[in-house]
N, C-alpha and C. Protein backbone atom coordinates (compact mmCIF):
# COMPACT_ATOMS: atom_id res chain seq x y z
N UNK A 1 134.75 98.07 89.57
CA UNK A 1 135.92 97.45 88.79
C UNK A 1 135.67 97.56 87.24
N UNK A 2 133.90 96.94 86.83
CA UNK A 2 134.36 97.07 84.63
C UNK A 2 133.71 98.84 85.10
N UNK A 3 133.35 99.15 86.11
CA UNK A 3 132.45 100.67 85.63
C UNK A 3 133.46 101.77 84.38
N UNK A 4 135.48 101.44 85.41
CA UNK A 4 137.08 101.81 85.70
C UNK A 4 136.81 101.53 83.36
N UNK A 5 136.78 99.85 84.47
CA UNK A 5 136.87 99.28 82.63
C UNK A 5 136.76 99.88 80.84
N UNK A 6 135.15 99.65 81.85
CA UNK A 6 133.76 100.86 80.34
C UNK A 6 134.87 102.79 80.13
N UNK A 7 135.28 102.26 81.57
CA UNK A 7 135.31 103.99 81.58
C UNK A 7 133.98 104.85 81.99
N UNK A 8 133.05 104.16 82.41
CA UNK A 8 131.45 104.52 83.25
C UNK A 8 132.14 105.56 84.18
N UNK A 9 131.74 107.38 84.05
CA UNK A 9 131.40 107.78 85.60
C UNK A 9 129.88 108.17 85.11
N UNK A 10 129.08 107.82 85.29
CA UNK A 10 128.05 107.97 85.85
C UNK A 10 127.66 108.05 86.07
N UNK A 11 126.63 108.66 86.81
CA UNK A 11 125.29 107.74 88.25
C UNK A 11 124.92 106.18 88.33
N UNK A 12 125.23 106.01 88.43
CA UNK A 12 124.46 104.31 87.84
C UNK A 12 123.88 103.56 90.19
N UNK A 13 123.44 103.16 90.26
CA UNK A 13 121.64 102.33 91.38
C UNK A 13 122.83 100.78 91.62
N UNK A 14 122.82 100.78 92.86
CA UNK A 14 123.15 99.66 93.31
C UNK A 14 122.74 98.26 93.24
N UNK A 15 123.50 96.84 92.85
CA UNK A 15 122.67 95.94 92.23
C UNK A 15 121.73 95.79 93.17
N UNK A 16 121.82 95.58 94.80
CA UNK A 16 120.59 95.91 95.50
C UNK A 16 119.33 95.86 95.18
N UNK A 17 119.23 97.30 94.50
CA UNK A 17 118.87 98.76 94.71
C UNK A 17 118.80 99.57 95.97
N UNK A 18 119.57 100.10 96.15
CA UNK A 18 119.41 100.05 97.91
C UNK A 18 119.56 101.67 97.59
N UNK A 19 120.13 101.82 97.15
CA UNK A 19 120.90 103.70 96.18
C UNK A 19 121.77 103.68 94.88
N UNK A 20 120.71 105.47 95.13
CA UNK A 20 121.48 105.65 93.19
C UNK A 20 123.04 106.21 94.39
N UNK A 21 124.20 105.95 92.80
CA UNK A 21 125.11 106.23 93.42
C UNK A 21 126.26 107.78 92.25
N UNK A 22 126.49 109.19 92.75
CA UNK A 22 126.69 110.39 91.99
C UNK A 22 127.65 110.47 92.23
N UNK A 23 128.53 110.53 91.24
CA UNK A 23 129.45 111.23 91.51
C UNK A 23 129.96 113.23 91.16
N UNK A 24 130.51 113.46 92.79
CA UNK A 24 130.71 114.70 93.48
C UNK A 24 130.48 115.59 92.14
N UNK A 25 129.99 116.33 92.05
CA UNK A 25 129.58 117.07 91.23
C UNK A 25 128.98 117.36 89.24
N UNK A 26 128.64 116.09 89.97
CA UNK A 26 127.70 115.53 88.68
C UNK A 26 126.58 116.37 88.57
N UNK A 27 125.97 116.32 89.64
CA UNK A 27 124.68 117.41 89.17
C UNK A 27 124.33 117.49 90.87
N UNK A 28 123.80 118.85 90.92
CA UNK A 28 123.65 119.02 91.86
C UNK A 28 122.48 119.03 93.43
N UNK A 29 123.71 117.71 93.43
CA UNK A 29 122.09 116.46 94.73
C UNK A 29 122.54 117.12 96.05
N UNK A 30 121.62 116.87 97.20
CA UNK A 30 121.83 116.16 98.72
C UNK A 30 122.36 115.13 99.01
N UNK A 31 122.87 114.58 99.27
CA UNK A 31 122.70 112.31 100.48
C UNK A 31 124.37 113.06 100.99
N UNK A 32 124.42 111.15 101.41
CA UNK A 32 125.73 110.70 102.64
C UNK A 32 126.54 110.77 101.10
N UNK A 33 128.33 111.25 101.24
CA UNK A 33 129.03 111.31 100.63
C UNK A 33 130.22 110.78 100.62
N UNK A 34 130.40 109.79 99.85
CA UNK A 34 130.60 108.13 100.00
C UNK A 34 131.63 108.21 99.42
N UNK A 35 133.62 107.97 98.93
CA UNK A 35 133.99 107.64 97.73
C UNK A 35 134.33 108.08 96.52
N UNK A 36 133.36 109.41 96.68
CA UNK A 36 133.57 111.23 95.44
C UNK A 36 132.47 110.54 94.73
N UNK A 37 131.24 109.99 96.19
CA UNK A 37 129.95 110.08 95.58
C UNK A 37 128.84 110.63 96.08
N UNK A 38 128.17 111.06 95.78
CA UNK A 38 126.60 111.05 96.32
C UNK A 38 125.17 110.02 97.00
N UNK A 39 125.55 109.15 98.38
CA UNK A 39 125.23 108.60 97.49
C UNK A 39 123.88 108.97 98.09
N UNK A 40 122.80 107.99 97.84
CA UNK A 40 120.92 108.96 97.90
C UNK A 40 120.40 107.58 98.69
N UNK A 41 120.54 106.84 99.48
CA UNK A 41 119.63 105.26 100.26
C UNK A 41 118.64 105.29 99.99
N UNK A 42 117.83 104.50 99.71
CA UNK A 42 116.47 104.44 99.17
C UNK A 42 116.06 103.07 100.68
N UNK A 43 116.76 102.34 100.94
CA UNK A 43 116.56 100.93 101.51
C UNK A 43 116.80 100.42 102.90
N UNK A 44 117.28 100.25 103.69
CA UNK A 44 117.73 100.17 105.12
C UNK A 44 118.59 99.73 104.88
N UNK A 45 119.75 100.08 105.59
CA UNK A 45 121.37 99.55 105.87
C UNK A 45 121.53 98.20 105.79
N UNK A 46 122.48 97.90 105.20
CA UNK A 46 122.93 96.78 104.99
C UNK A 46 123.21 96.17 106.77
N UNK A 47 124.27 97.16 107.82
CA UNK A 47 123.89 95.46 108.76
C UNK A 47 123.10 95.37 109.95
N UNK A 48 121.75 96.71 109.27
CA UNK A 48 120.02 96.59 109.91
C UNK A 48 119.84 95.97 109.44
N UNK A 49 119.57 95.34 107.64
CA UNK A 49 119.16 94.65 107.18
C UNK A 49 119.28 92.81 107.88
N UNK A 50 121.29 92.60 107.79
CA UNK A 50 121.76 91.55 108.68
C UNK A 50 121.08 91.65 109.86
N UNK A 51 121.14 92.36 110.84
CA UNK A 51 120.57 91.71 112.04
C UNK A 51 118.42 91.24 111.55
N UNK A 52 117.88 92.07 111.57
CA UNK A 52 116.74 91.65 111.14
C UNK A 52 117.14 90.26 110.42
N UNK A 53 117.70 90.12 109.37
CA UNK A 53 118.26 88.61 109.46
C UNK A 53 118.38 87.18 110.81
N UNK A 54 119.00 88.14 111.71
CA UNK A 54 119.79 87.71 112.21
C UNK A 54 118.45 87.42 113.58
N UNK A 55 118.11 87.78 113.65
CA UNK A 55 116.75 87.70 114.28
C UNK A 55 114.70 86.82 114.07
N UNK A 56 115.04 86.58 112.78
CA UNK A 56 113.89 86.00 111.71
C UNK A 56 115.10 84.51 112.54
N UNK A 57 116.09 84.33 112.37
CA UNK A 57 116.84 83.42 112.83
C UNK A 57 116.42 83.01 113.18
N UNK A 58 116.59 83.57 114.72
CA UNK A 58 115.93 82.95 115.82
C UNK A 58 114.89 82.51 115.54
N UNK A 59 114.09 83.54 115.28
CA UNK A 59 112.49 82.91 115.93
C UNK A 59 112.50 81.76 115.15
N UNK A 60 112.99 80.96 113.81
CA UNK A 60 112.14 80.07 112.64
C UNK A 60 113.20 78.79 113.15
N UNK A 61 114.02 79.43 114.11
CA UNK A 61 115.13 78.97 114.80
C UNK A 61 115.70 77.27 113.46
N UNK A 62 115.87 78.04 112.70
CA UNK A 62 117.14 77.29 111.17
C UNK A 62 118.52 79.20 110.91
N UNK A 63 118.96 77.96 110.69
CA UNK A 63 119.86 78.71 109.99
C UNK A 63 120.27 79.85 108.69
N UNK A 64 120.18 80.96 108.38
CA UNK A 64 120.21 81.43 107.39
C UNK A 64 121.24 81.09 107.69
N UNK A 65 121.53 81.41 106.19
CA UNK A 65 123.53 81.31 105.32
C UNK A 65 123.74 83.12 103.79
N UNK A 66 123.14 84.32 104.62
CA UNK A 66 123.51 85.21 102.95
C UNK A 66 125.46 84.99 103.00
N UNK A 67 125.19 86.38 102.17
CA UNK A 67 126.37 86.51 101.41
C UNK A 67 127.28 87.42 101.68
N UNK A 68 126.56 88.31 103.22
CA UNK A 68 128.20 88.08 104.06
C UNK A 68 128.17 87.41 104.99
N UNK A 69 128.40 85.70 104.34
CA UNK A 69 128.77 84.51 105.62
C UNK A 69 129.71 83.81 104.75
N UNK A 70 130.03 84.06 104.23
CA UNK A 70 130.55 83.13 103.06
C UNK A 70 131.70 84.02 102.90
N UNK A 71 132.82 83.09 103.08
CA UNK A 71 134.20 83.32 103.51
C UNK A 71 134.18 83.68 101.58
N UNK A 72 136.13 84.88 101.28
CA UNK A 72 136.38 84.89 100.08
C UNK A 72 136.31 83.61 99.24
N UNK A 73 136.77 82.47 100.05
CA UNK A 73 137.42 80.47 99.05
C UNK A 73 135.54 80.18 99.19
N UNK A 74 134.10 81.09 99.75
CA UNK A 74 133.17 80.15 98.38
C UNK A 74 132.77 81.14 98.49
N UNK A 75 132.89 82.52 98.45
CA UNK A 75 132.56 83.59 97.12
C UNK A 75 133.18 82.59 96.07
N UNK A 76 134.44 82.93 95.27
CA UNK A 76 135.22 82.45 94.15
C UNK A 76 134.57 80.62 94.31
N UNK A 77 134.33 79.99 94.80
CA UNK A 77 133.44 78.65 94.90
C UNK A 77 132.46 78.65 93.93
N UNK A 78 131.60 79.61 95.00
CA UNK A 78 129.94 79.77 93.52
C UNK A 78 129.45 80.47 92.59
N UNK A 79 130.52 80.76 92.71
CA UNK A 79 130.77 82.26 91.54
C UNK A 79 130.96 82.31 90.69
N UNK A 80 132.95 81.66 90.06
CA UNK A 80 133.95 81.58 89.22
C UNK A 80 134.53 82.84 89.86
N UNK A 81 134.22 83.27 89.87
CA UNK A 81 135.32 84.86 90.08
C UNK A 81 136.64 84.48 90.87
N UNK A 82 137.57 85.40 90.70
CA UNK A 82 138.64 85.39 91.02
C UNK A 82 138.89 85.89 92.26
N UNK A 83 140.34 85.41 93.00
CA UNK A 83 140.04 85.82 94.97
C UNK A 83 139.91 87.73 94.79
N UNK A 84 140.95 88.68 93.20
CA UNK A 84 140.09 90.35 93.55
C UNK A 84 139.62 89.84 93.16
N UNK A 85 138.22 90.01 92.40
CA UNK A 85 136.54 90.14 92.40
C UNK A 85 135.72 89.60 93.39
N UNK A 86 136.44 88.34 94.44
CA UNK A 86 135.70 87.56 95.34
C UNK A 86 135.81 88.76 96.25
N UNK A 87 136.72 89.02 96.29
CA UNK A 87 136.85 90.57 97.87
C UNK A 87 136.18 91.84 96.91
N UNK A 88 136.19 92.33 96.22
CA UNK A 88 135.55 93.45 95.23
C UNK A 88 133.98 93.30 96.14
N UNK A 89 133.82 91.67 95.60
CA UNK A 89 132.19 91.40 95.72
C UNK A 89 131.55 91.81 97.08
N UNK A 90 132.47 91.09 98.71
CA UNK A 90 131.98 90.51 99.52
C UNK A 90 131.91 92.17 100.49
């Protein structure tokens, strides 16, 4: 959303550093194609990471609440984002 507002059509690194997103045709590189980007994944996937956190949660016997556990309303309250931005963040 912000990238569109800034008319930024260049490669970027995701916020968590888990991947590099390169617009199709920008460079001749290989990777997973997703939403008009070649994605070079640098870390483990979100689903796998969440499962590992759930394993830790079971092992230590206390609940760990992550961003993925929050509702849109919770995200809005905690961050001050508008509903459209909270949906995109989730």
